[in-house]
Amino acid sequence: MPDDHLWSELTVAQVRQQSRLVASRSIQPLKIINPHAPGGSCQVVLASYGGGLVAGDNIRLRVRCEENARLLLNTQANTRLFKSIDGAQAEQHTEGYLAEHALAVVLPDPLVPQAASRYHQTQHWHLTADATLLLADWWHAGRTDAGEKFAFTSFATELRVSVAGRLALLDRFALRPTEHLATSQATFGEYNSVFSIYLVGPPGGVRFQRLAARLHQLPPAGQTALHAQLAGRPYVVAVTQARENVVLVRALGLSRPDLEPVCQAVAAALADERLLGFNWLDRKY
């Protein structure tokens, strides 16, 4: 591609039975950090100068997981989306490629769009038939502790996942609070934190089956369906077997801490030696 020099890149490969970062290039404002990870997996942490994105920032990242590689891709902290003063927007675009029997786990901290911010995000992951992807997309209503709630101008995200060259998952979301009545009961109501998890992989694979089973157990005790009586609960969760090889989780929380049970359950499942082999939350805080 003619603009290859504008893309940050990272490649993870299996080296002596350990997954290692074998190639890396970061273009500002993105920073790529590679802490040591136990369990034979590779951890890559994404950070940015100033802890967020300003209008006009355009991060482009290519991720490659070679055969049998295992990758945890996460962020250093919340990504703040600062206000736009000239109508420009901040953007992030990710392309991912998973080879045979590769596992990629993408678990970023939340995006926090501040008042008057504009943001657009796309991700397109390309999987072979035997690869497994677990990906989270997490964002907040804003700096709610400071009284901001859905005060941003625009927020849009798109996720595509292709398996063996065929589209398996397409999920788009866009919100302009001044037009969409974000706080109505038909949208988010009193909830401030939106957490989506996507699992794509071979239905007969051990990794997919173990993760799918754990995701189906995520709804909290006492929640049997999504209905009006759930109003006021700290968090609610819906799990859908969208396709034979796709599991989708939607969770809403009154705050980030209220979604901690969901994060802890996913982290515990990934600690299995057949998956990441360690609990990333134990290392994060």
C-alpha atoms as a PDB file:
ATOM      1  CA  MET A   1       0.000   0.000   0.000  1.00  0.00           C
ATOM      2  CA  PRO A   2       1.361   3.470  -0.829  1.00  0.00           C
ATOM      3  CA  ASP A   3       0.860   4.805   2.722  1.00  0.00           C
ATOM      4  CA  ASP A   4       2.602   1.914   4.528  1.00  0.00           C
ATOM      5  CA  HIS A   5       4.990   4.389   6.155  1.00  0.00           C
ATOM      6  CA  LEU A   6       2.033   5.880   8.067  1.00  0.00           C
ATOM      7  CA  TRP A   7       1.107   2.617   9.804  1.00  0.00           C
ATOM      8  CA  SER A   8       2.395   1.436  13.159  1.00  0.00           C
ATOM      9  CA  GLU A   9       3.035  -2.306  13.106  1.00  0.00           C
ATOM     10  CA  LEU A  10       3.669  -5.216  15.419  1.00  0.00           C
ATOM     11  CA  THR A  11       4.281  -8.901  14.716  1.00  0.00           C
ATOM     12  CA  VAL A  12       4.160 -11.738  17.232  1.00  0.00           C
ATOM     13  CA  ALA A  13       5.660 -15.133  16.450  1.00  0.00           C
ATOM     14  CA  GLN A  14       6.437 -18.386  18.235  1.00  0.00           C
ATOM     15  CA  VAL A  15      10.131 -18.547  19.182  1.00  0.00           C
ATOM     16  CA  ARG A  16      11.364 -21.611  21.118  1.00  0.00           C
ATOM     17  CA  GLN A  17       7.849 -22.374  22.364  1.00  0.00           C
ATOM     18  CA  GLN A  18       7.361 -18.789  23.536  1.00  0.00           C
ATOM     19  CA  SER A  19       5.329 -16.050  21.832  1.00  0.00           C
ATOM     20  CA  ARG A  20       7.541 -13.046  21.239  1.00  0.00           C
ATOM     21  CA  LEU A  21       7.265  -9.590  19.705  1.00  0.00           C
ATOM     22  CA  VAL A  22       9.587 -10.007  16.706  1.00  0.00           C
ATOM     23  CA  ALA A  23       8.842  -6.744  14.878  1.00  0.00           C
ATOM     24  CA  SER A  24       7.544  -3.396  16.038  1.00  0.00           C
ATOM     25  CA  ARG A  25       7.192   0.116  14.668  1.00  0.00           C
ATOM     26  CA  SER A  26       5.229   2.917  16.287  1.00  0.00           C
ATOM     27  CA  ILE A  27       4.204   6.208  14.697  1.00  0.00           C
ATOM     28  CA  GLN A  28       3.301   9.116  16.988  1.00  0.00           C
ATOM     29  CA  PRO A  29       1.120   9.550  18.933  1.00  0.00           C
ATOM     30  CA  LEU A  30       1.098   5.773  19.476  1.00  0.00           C
ATOM     31  CA  LYS A  31       3.622   4.102  21.761  1.00  0.00           C
ATOM     32  CA  ILE A  32       4.100   0.313  21.788  1.00  0.00           C
ATOM     33  CA  ILE A  33       5.298  -1.258  25.064  1.00  0.00           C
ATOM     34  CA  ASN A  34       6.274  -4.917  25.422  1.00  0.00           C
ATOM     35  CA  PRO A  35       6.436  -6.051  29.074  1.00  0.00           C
ATOM     36  CA  HIS A  36       7.478  -9.604  29.863  1.00  0.00           C
ATOM     37  CA  ALA A  37       4.489 -11.945  30.154  1.00  0.00           C
ATOM     38  CA  PRO A  38       4.388 -15.326  31.899  1.00  0.00           C
ATOM     39  CA  GLY A  39       2.720 -18.412  30.511  1.00  0.00           C
ATOM     40  CA  GLY A  40       4.430 -18.363  27.109  1.00  0.00           C
ATOM     41  CA  SER A  41       2.226 -15.549  25.769  1.00  0.00           C
ATOM     42  CA  CYS A  42       3.221 -12.120  24.473  1.00  0.00           C
ATOM     43  CA  GLN A  43       1.796  -8.937  25.975  1.00  0.00           C
ATOM     44  CA  VAL A  44       1.770  -5.668  24.066  1.00  0.00           C
ATOM     45  CA  VAL A  45       0.538  -2.475  25.715  1.00  0.00           C
ATOM     46  CA  LEU A  46      -0.606   0.500  23.649  1.00  0.00           C
ATOM     47  CA  ALA A  47      -0.139   3.986  25.047  1.00  0.00           C
ATOM     48  CA  SER A  48      -0.288   7.523  23.713  1.00  0.00           C
ATOM     49  CA  TYR A  49       1.464  10.781  24.484  1.00  0.00           C
ATOM     50  CA  GLY A  50      -0.595  12.741  26.980  1.00  0.00           C
ATOM     51  CA  GLY A  51      -2.839   9.785  27.790  1.00  0.00           C
ATOM     52  CA  GLY A  52      -5.317  10.426  25.005  1.00  0.00           C
ATOM     53  CA  LEU A  53      -6.104  11.614  21.509  1.00  0.00           C
ATOM     54  CA  VAL A  54      -6.634  15.155  20.314  1.00  0.00           C
ATOM     55  CA  ALA A  55      -8.658  16.191  17.281  1.00  0.00           C
ATOM     56  CA  GLY A  56      -6.681  15.430  14.141  1.00  0.00           C
ATOM     57  CA  ASP A  57      -4.790  12.444  15.616  1.00  0.00           C
ATOM     58  CA  ASN A  58      -4.952   9.436  13.296  1.00  0.00           C
ATOM     59  CA  ILE A  59      -3.567   6.173  14.678  1.00  0.00           C
ATOM     60  CA  ARG A  60      -3.185   3.303  12.220  1.00  0.00           C
ATOM     61  CA  LEU A  61      -2.001  -0.056  13.503  1.00  0.00           C
ATOM     62  CA  ARG A  62      -1.349  -3.410  11.829  1.00  0.00           C
ATOM     63  CA  VAL A  63      -1.178  -6.466  14.059  1.00  0.00           C
ATOM     64  CA  ARG A  64       0.142  -9.836  12.886  1.00  0.00           C
ATOM     65  CA  CYS A  65       0.043 -13.068  14.877  1.00  0.00           C
ATOM     66  CA  GLU A  66       1.998 -15.839  13.227  1.00  0.00           C
ATOM     67  CA  GLU A  67       1.198 -19.551  13.499  1.00  0.00           C
ATOM     68  CA  ASN A  68       0.586 -20.739  17.094  1.00  0.00           C
ATOM     69  CA  ALA A  69       1.361 -17.299  18.549  1.00  0.00           C
ATOM     70  CA  ARG A  70      -0.586 -15.987  21.546  1.00  0.00           C
ATOM     71  CA  LEU A  71      -1.025 -12.256  22.041  1.00  0.00           C
ATOM     72  CA  LEU A  72      -2.586 -10.060  24.708  1.00  0.00           C
ATOM     73  CA  LEU A  73      -3.088  -6.550  23.338  1.00  0.00           C
ATOM     74  CA  ASN A  74      -4.256  -3.991  25.862  1.00  0.00           C
ATOM     75  CA  THR A  75      -3.765  -0.373  26.904  1.00  0.00           C
ATOM     76  CA  GLN A  76      -1.928   1.363  29.700  1.00  0.00           C
ATOM     77  CA  ALA A  77      -5.011   3.198  30.999  1.00  0.00           C
ATOM     78  CA  ASN A  78      -8.213   4.879  29.838  1.00  0.00           C
ATOM     79  CA  THR A  79      -7.863   6.630  26.481  1.00  0.00           C
ATOM     80  CA  ARG A  80      -9.152  10.177  26.805  1.00  0.00           C
ATOM     81  CA  LEU A  81     -10.666  11.790  23.724  1.00  0.00           C
ATOM     82  CA  PHE A  82     -10.105  15.518  24.010  1.00  0.00           C
ATOM     83  CA  LYS A  83     -12.488  18.151  22.677  1.00  0.00           C
ATOM     84  CA  SER A  84     -12.462  19.315  19.079  1.00  0.00           C
ATOM     85  CA  ILE A  85     -12.278  23.061  18.599  1.00  0.00           C
ATOM     86  CA  ASP A  86     -12.223  23.118  14.801  1.00  0.00           C
ATOM     87  CA  GLY A  87     -14.542  20.279  13.748  1.00  0.00           C
ATOM     88  CA  ALA A  88     -11.716  17.769  13.281  1.00  0.00           C
ATOM     89  CA  GLN A  89     -11.999  14.288  14.772  1.00  0.00           C
ATOM     90  CA  ALA A  90      -9.589  11.807  16.333  1.00  0.00           C
ATOM     91  CA  GLU A  91      -9.334   8.438  14.586  1.00  0.00           C
ATOM     92  CA  GLN A  92      -7.997   4.948  15.248  1.00  0.00           C
ATOM     93  CA  HIS A  93      -7.810   2.250  12.565  1.00  0.00           C
ATOM     94  CA  THR A  94      -6.626  -1.301  13.210  1.00  0.00           C
ATOM     95  CA  GLU A  95      -5.950  -4.178  10.820  1.00  0.00           C
ATOM     96  CA  GLY A  96      -5.259  -7.579  12.350  1.00  0.00           C
ATOM     97  CA  TYR A  97      -4.074 -10.844  10.786  1.00  0.00           C
ATOM     98  CA  LEU A  98      -4.158 -14.156  12.679  1.00  0.00           C
ATOM     99  CA  ALA A  99      -2.424 -17.208  11.215  1.00  0.00           C
ATOM    100  CA  GLU A 100      -3.207 -20.881  11.909  1.00  0.00           C
ATOM    101  CA  HIS A 101      -3.894 -21.714  15.563  1.00  0.00           C
ATOM    102  CA  ALA A 102      -3.066 -18.161  16.661  1.00  0.00           C
ATOM    103  CA  LEU A 103      -4.846 -16.534  19.607  1.00  0.00           C
ATOM    104  CA  ALA A 104      -5.292 -12.773  19.931  1.00  0.00           C
ATOM    105  CA  VAL A 105      -6.916 -11.242  23.013  1.00  0.00           C
ATOM    106  CA  VAL A 106      -7.676  -7.520  22.660  1.00  0.00           C
ATOM    107  CA  LEU A 107      -8.759  -5.970  25.962  1.00  0.00           C
ATOM    108  CA  PRO A 108      -8.302  -2.193  26.028  1.00  0.00           C
ATOM    109  CA  ASP A 109      -9.278   0.094  28.867  1.00  0.00           C
ATOM    110  CA  PRO A 110     -12.291   2.317  28.144  1.00  0.00           C
ATOM    111  CA  LEU A 111     -12.400   5.189  25.710  1.00  0.00           C
ATOM    112  CA  VAL A 112     -13.551   8.330  27.525  1.00  0.00           C
ATOM    113  CA  PRO A 113     -14.912  10.976  25.134  1.00  0.00           C
ATOM    114  CA  GLN A 114     -14.798  14.391  26.740  1.00  0.00           C
ATOM    115  CA  ALA A 115     -17.222  17.230  26.051  1.00  0.00           C
ATOM    116  CA  ALA A 116     -17.247  18.426  22.417  1.00  0.00           C
ATOM    117  CA  SER A 117     -14.991  15.577  21.254  1.00  0.00           C
ATOM    118  CA  ARG A 118     -15.320  13.783  17.919  1.00  0.00           C
ATOM    119  CA  TYR A 119     -14.076  10.225  17.418  1.00  0.00           C
ATOM    120  CA  HIS A 120     -14.122   7.507  14.734  1.00  0.00           C
ATOM    121  CA  GLN A 121     -12.702   4.001  15.077  1.00  0.00           C
ATOM    122  CA  THR A 122     -12.494   1.019  12.695  1.00  0.00           C
ATOM    123  CA  GLN A 123     -11.108  -2.473  13.147  1.00  0.00           C
ATOM    124  CA  HIS A 124     -10.822  -5.259  10.595  1.00  0.00           C
ATOM    125  CA  TRP A 125      -9.451  -8.598  11.740  1.00  0.00           C
ATOM    126  CA  HIS A 126      -8.592 -11.368   9.286  1.00  0.00           C
ATOM    127  CA  LEU A 127      -8.553 -14.891  10.759  1.00  0.00           C
ATOM    128  CA  THR A 128      -7.615 -18.242   9.309  1.00  0.00           C
ATOM    129  CA  ALA A 129     -10.141 -21.005   9.972  1.00  0.00           C
ATOM    130  CA  ASP A 130      -8.212 -22.254  13.030  1.00  0.00           C
ATOM    131  CA  ALA A 131      -7.448 -18.885  14.675  1.00  0.00           C
ATOM    132  CA  THR A 132      -9.273 -17.459  17.706  1.00  0.00           C
ATOM    133  CA  LEU A 133      -9.992 -13.808  18.517  1.00  0.00           C
ATOM    134  CA  LEU A 134     -11.399 -12.406  21.765  1.00  0.00           C
ATOM    135  CA  LEU A 135     -11.899  -8.657  21.490  1.00  0.00           C
ATOM    136  CA  ALA A 136     -13.480  -6.048  23.763  1.00  0.00           C
ATOM    137  CA  ASP A 137     -14.777  -2.611  22.824  1.00  0.00           C
ATOM    138  CA  TRP A 138     -15.297  -0.447  25.913  1.00  0.00           C
ATOM    139  CA  TRP A 139     -16.306   3.198  26.294  1.00  0.00           C
ATOM    140  CA  HIS A 140     -17.762   5.588  28.849  1.00  0.00           C
ATOM    141  CA  ALA A 141     -20.396   8.295  28.615  1.00  0.00           C
ATOM    142  CA  GLY A 142     -17.684  10.830  29.478  1.00  0.00           C
ATOM    143  CA  ARG A 143     -16.031  12.261  32.589  1.00  0.00           C
ATOM    144  CA  THR A 144     -19.021  11.382  34.725  1.00  0.00           C
ATOM    145  CA  ASP A 145     -17.177  12.112  37.977  1.00  0.00           C
ATOM    146  CA  ALA A 146     -16.921  15.718  36.743  1.00  0.00           C
ATOM    147  CA  GLY A 147     -20.592  15.856  35.779  1.00  0.00           C
ATOM    148  CA  GLU A 148     -20.133  15.154  32.053  1.00  0.00           C
ATOM    149  CA  LYS A 149     -22.451  12.583  30.547  1.00  0.00           C
ATOM    150  CA  PHE A 150     -22.900  12.157  26.792  1.00  0.00           C
ATOM    151  CA  ALA A 151     -21.515  15.649  26.246  1.00  0.00           C
ATOM    152  CA  PHE A 152     -19.368  14.636  23.262  1.00  0.00           C
ATOM    153  CA  THR A 153     -20.284  15.679  19.719  1.00  0.00           C
ATOM    154  CA  SER A 154     -19.912  12.366  17.874  1.00  0.00           C
ATOM    155  CA  PHE A 155     -18.639   8.851  18.535  1.00  0.00           C
ATOM    156  CA  ALA A 156     -18.500   6.011  15.991  1.00  0.00           C
ATOM    157  CA  THR A 157     -16.960   2.552  15.943  1.00  0.00           C
ATOM    158  CA  GLU A 158     -16.966  -0.278  13.405  1.00  0.00           C
ATOM    159  CA  LEU A 159     -15.710  -3.845  13.774  1.00  0.00           C
ATOM    160  CA  ARG A 160     -15.287  -6.367  10.960  1.00  0.00           C
ATOM    161  CA  VAL A 161     -14.008  -9.916  11.430  1.00  0.00           C
ATOM    162  CA  SER A 162     -13.338 -12.143   8.437  1.00  0.00           C
ATOM    163  CA  VAL A 163     -12.643 -15.882   8.712  1.00  0.00           C
ATOM    164  CA  ALA A 164     -10.904 -17.614   5.819  1.00  0.00           C
ATOM    165  CA  GLY A 165     -11.733 -14.644   3.602  1.00  0.00           C
ATOM    166  CA  ARG A 166     -15.455 -14.524   4.444  1.00  0.00           C
ATOM    167  CA  LEU A 167     -17.111 -11.898   6.615  1.00  0.00           C
ATOM    168  CA  ALA A 168     -18.189 -13.495   9.911  1.00  0.00           C
ATOM    169  CA  LEU A 169     -18.986 -10.407  11.980  1.00  0.00           C
ATOM    170  CA  LEU A 170     -19.895  -6.806  11.259  1.00  0.00           C
ATOM    171  CA  ASP A 171     -20.867  -4.467  14.089  1.00  0.00           C
ATOM    172  CA  ARG A 172     -21.329  -0.715  13.703  1.00  0.00           C
ATOM    173  CA  PHE A 173     -22.287   1.851  16.302  1.00  0.00           C
ATOM    174  CA  ALA A 174     -22.578   5.636  16.041  1.00  0.00           C
ATOM    175  CA  LEU A 175     -23.931   8.168  18.496  1.00  0.00           C
ATOM    176  CA  ARG A 176     -24.546  11.906  18.337  1.00  0.00           C
ATOM    177  CA  PRO A 177     -26.045  12.716  21.748  1.00  0.00           C
ATOM    178  CA  THR A 178     -27.809  15.876  20.588  1.00  0.00           C
ATOM    179  CA  GLU A 179     -29.754  13.806  18.046  1.00  0.00           C
ATOM    180  CA  HIS A 180     -30.156  10.395  19.681  1.00  0.00           C
ATOM    181  CA  LEU A 181     -31.394  11.089  23.240  1.00  0.00           C
ATOM    182  CA  ALA A 182     -28.672   8.956  24.788  1.00  0.00           C
ATOM    183  CA  THR A 183     -30.124   9.062  28.312  1.00  0.00           C
ATOM    184  CA  SER A 184     -33.581   7.832  27.349  1.00  0.00           C
ATOM    185  CA  GLN A 185     -34.639   4.394  28.559  1.00  0.00           C
ATOM    186  CA  ALA A 186     -34.651   3.226  24.926  1.00  0.00           C
ATOM    187  CA  THR A 187     -30.895   3.794  24.705  1.00  0.00           C
ATOM    188  CA  PHE A 188     -28.624   3.884  27.797  1.00  0.00           C
ATOM    189  CA  GLY A 189     -30.826   5.371  30.482  1.00  0.00           C
ATOM    190  CA  GLU A 190     -28.848   5.711  33.710  1.00  0.00           C
ATOM    191  CA  TYR A 191     -25.932   3.565  32.534  1.00  0.00           C
ATOM    192  CA  ASN A 192     -22.581   5.199  31.849  1.00  0.00           C
ATOM    193  CA  SER A 193     -20.234   2.381  30.805  1.00  0.00           C
ATOM    194  CA  VAL A 194     -20.708   0.254  27.671  1.00  0.00           C
ATOM    195  CA  PHE A 195     -18.695  -2.953  27.348  1.00  0.00           C
ATOM    196  CA  SER A 196     -18.925  -5.280  24.324  1.00  0.00           C
ATOM    197  CA  ILE A 197     -17.024  -8.562  23.949  1.00  0.00           C
ATOM    198  CA  TYR A 198     -16.673 -10.501  20.698  1.00  0.00           C
ATOM    199  CA  LEU A 199     -15.437 -14.090  20.452  1.00  0.00           C
ATOM    200  CA  VAL A 200     -14.715 -15.559  17.015  1.00  0.00           C
ATOM    201  CA  GLY A 201     -13.059 -18.921  16.418  1.00  0.00           C
ATOM    202  CA  PRO A 202     -13.442 -22.537  15.312  1.00  0.00           C
ATOM    203  CA  PRO A 203     -16.551 -23.973  17.022  1.00  0.00           C
ATOM    204  CA  GLY A 204     -14.817 -27.291  17.665  1.00  0.00           C
ATOM    205  CA  GLY A 205     -11.666 -25.723  19.037  1.00  0.00           C
ATOM    206  CA  VAL A 206     -10.783 -26.097  22.720  1.00  0.00           C
ATOM    207  CA  ARG A 207     -10.014 -22.390  23.085  1.00  0.00           C
ATOM    208  CA  PHE A 208     -13.287 -21.277  21.534  1.00  0.00           C
ATOM    209  CA  GLN A 209     -15.360 -23.765  23.515  1.00  0.00           C
ATOM    210  CA  ARG A 210     -13.786 -22.847  26.850  1.00  0.00           C
ATOM    211  CA  LEU A 211     -14.164 -19.114  26.303  1.00  0.00           C
ATOM    212  CA  ALA A 212     -17.701 -19.452  24.926  1.00  0.00           C
ATOM    213  CA  ALA A 213     -18.770 -21.474  27.968  1.00  0.00           C
ATOM    214  CA  ARG A 214     -17.377 -18.828  30.316  1.00  0.00           C
ATOM    215  CA  LEU A 215     -18.984 -15.953  28.430  1.00  0.00           C
ATOM    216  CA  HIS A 216     -22.384 -17.620  28.613  1.00  0.00           C
ATOM    217  CA  GLN A 217     -22.014 -17.612  32.418  1.00  0.00           C
ATOM    218  CA  LEU A 218     -21.465 -13.837  32.637  1.00  0.00           C
ATOM    219  CA  PRO A 219     -25.011 -12.554  33.379  1.00  0.00           C
ATOM    220  CA  PRO A 220     -25.186 -11.789  37.116  1.00  0.00           C
ATOM    221  CA  ALA A 221     -27.176 -13.918  39.522  1.00  0.00           C
ATOM    222  CA  GLY A 222     -30.879 -13.172  39.345  1.00  0.00           C
ATOM    223  CA  GLN A 223     -30.805 -11.816  35.796  1.00  0.00           C
ATOM    224  CA  THR A 224     -32.786 -14.169  33.603  1.00  0.00           C
ATOM    225  CA  ALA A 225     -33.652 -11.770  30.769  1.00  0.00           C
ATOM    226  CA  LEU A 226     -33.410  -8.143  29.726  1.00  0.00           C
ATOM    227  CA  HIS A 227     -36.589  -6.278  30.686  1.00  0.00           C
ATOM    228  CA  ALA A 228     -37.762  -3.137  32.449  1.00  0.00           C
ATOM    229  CA  GLN A 229     -37.413  -4.678  35.915  1.00  0.00           C
ATOM    230  CA  LEU A 230     -33.627  -4.603  35.526  1.00  0.00           C
ATOM    231  CA  ALA A 231     -33.562  -0.807  35.861  1.00  0.00           C
ATOM    232  CA  GLY A 232     -31.308   0.340  38.671  1.00  0.00           C
ATOM    233  CA  ARG A 233     -29.093  -2.744  38.806  1.00  0.00           C
ATOM    234  CA  PRO A 234     -25.364  -1.927  38.936  1.00  0.00           C
ATOM    235  CA  TYR A 235     -24.763  -3.828  35.702  1.00  0.00           C
ATOM    236  CA  VAL A 236     -26.645  -5.978  33.201  1.00  0.00           C
ATOM    237  CA  VAL A 237     -25.283  -8.463  30.668  1.00  0.00           C
ATOM    238  CA  ALA A 238     -26.697 -10.048  27.516  1.00  0.00           C
ATOM    239  CA  VAL A 239     -24.917 -12.975  25.827  1.00  0.00           C
ATOM    240  CA  THR A 240     -25.815 -14.124  22.316  1.00  0.00           C
ATOM    241  CA  GLN A 241     -24.573 -17.061  20.262  1.00  0.00           C
ATOM    242  CA  ALA A 242     -24.742 -14.969  17.099  1.00  0.00           C
ATOM    243  CA  ARG A 243     -23.365 -17.696  14.833  1.00  0.00           C
ATOM    244  CA  GLU A 244     -21.811 -21.100  15.305  1.00  0.00           C
ATOM    245  CA  ASN A 245     -18.398 -19.454  15.499  1.00  0.00           C
ATOM    246  CA  VAL A 246     -19.378 -16.082  17.040  1.00  0.00           C
ATOM    247  CA  VAL A 247     -20.375 -15.185  20.609  1.00  0.00           C
ATOM    248  CA  LEU A 248     -21.403 -11.609  21.412  1.00  0.00           C
ATOM    249  CA  VAL A 249     -21.601 -10.045  24.887  1.00  0.00           C
ATOM    250  CA  ARG A 250     -23.169  -6.667  25.686  1.00  0.00           C
ATOM    251  CA  ALA A 251     -22.779  -5.236  29.177  1.00  0.00           C
ATOM    252  CA  LEU A 252     -23.887  -1.934  30.689  1.00  0.00           C
ATOM    253  CA  GLY A 253     -22.645  -0.600  34.009  1.00  0.00           C
ATOM    254  CA  LEU A 254     -23.524   2.396  36.119  1.00  0.00           C
ATOM    255  CA  SER A 255     -19.767   2.936  36.414  1.00  0.00           C
ATOM    256  CA  ARG A 256     -16.502   1.244  35.505  1.00  0.00           C
ATOM    257  CA  PRO A 257     -16.166  -0.479  38.927  1.00  0.00           C
ATOM    258  CA  ASP A 258     -19.639  -1.930  38.474  1.00  0.00           C
ATOM    259  CA  LEU A 259     -18.341  -3.889  35.455  1.00  0.00           C
ATOM    260  CA  GLU A 260     -15.448  -5.326  37.448  1.00  0.00           C
ATOM    261  CA  PRO A 261     -17.163  -8.742  37.865  1.00  0.00           C
ATOM    262  CA  VAL A 262     -17.280  -9.090  34.075  1.00  0.00           C
ATOM    263  CA  CYS A 263     -13.599  -8.161  33.721  1.00  0.00           C
ATOM    264  CA  GLN A 264     -12.564 -10.491  36.536  1.00  0.00           C
ATOM    265  CA  ALA A 265     -14.475 -13.430  35.053  1.00  0.00           C
ATOM    266  CA  VAL A 266     -12.891 -12.958  31.622  1.00  0.00           C
ATOM    267  CA  ALA A 267      -9.420 -12.547  33.132  1.00  0.00           C
ATOM    268  CA  ALA A 268      -9.822 -15.728  35.176  1.00  0.00           C
ATOM    269  CA  ALA A 269     -10.908 -17.708  32.113  1.00  0.00           C
ATOM    270  CA  LEU A 270      -7.921 -16.462  30.107  1.00  0.00           C
ATOM    271  CA  ALA A 271      -5.501 -17.596  32.826  1.00  0.00           C
ATOM    272  CA  ASP A 272      -5.977 -21.171  31.565  1.00  0.00           C
ATOM    273  CA  GLU A 273      -2.643 -22.503  30.264  1.00  0.00           C
ATOM    274  CA  ARG A 274      -4.306 -23.300  26.937  1.00  0.00           C
ATOM    275  CA  LEU A 275      -5.169 -19.617  26.554  1.00  0.00           C
ATOM    276  CA  LEU A 276      -2.946 -16.783  27.843  1.00  0.00           C
ATOM    277  CA  GLY A 277      -1.638 -18.736  30.805  1.00  0.00           C
ATOM    278  CA  PHE A 278      -1.788 -15.793  33.222  1.00  0.00           C
ATOM    279  CA  ASN A 279      -4.268 -13.349  34.727  1.00  0.00           C
ATOM    280  CA  TRP A 280      -3.512  -9.944  33.235  1.00  0.00           C
ATOM    281  CA  LEU A 281      -5.489  -8.084  35.906  1.00  0.00           C
ATOM    282  CA  ASP A 282      -3.131  -9.384  38.606  1.00  0.00           C
ATOM    283  CA  ARG A 283      -0.312  -7.584  36.779  1.00  0.00           C
ATOM    284  CA  LYS A 284      -2.188  -4.420  35.918  1.00  0.00           C
ATOM    285  CA  TYR A 285      -3.025  -2.998  39.324  1.00  0.00           C
END
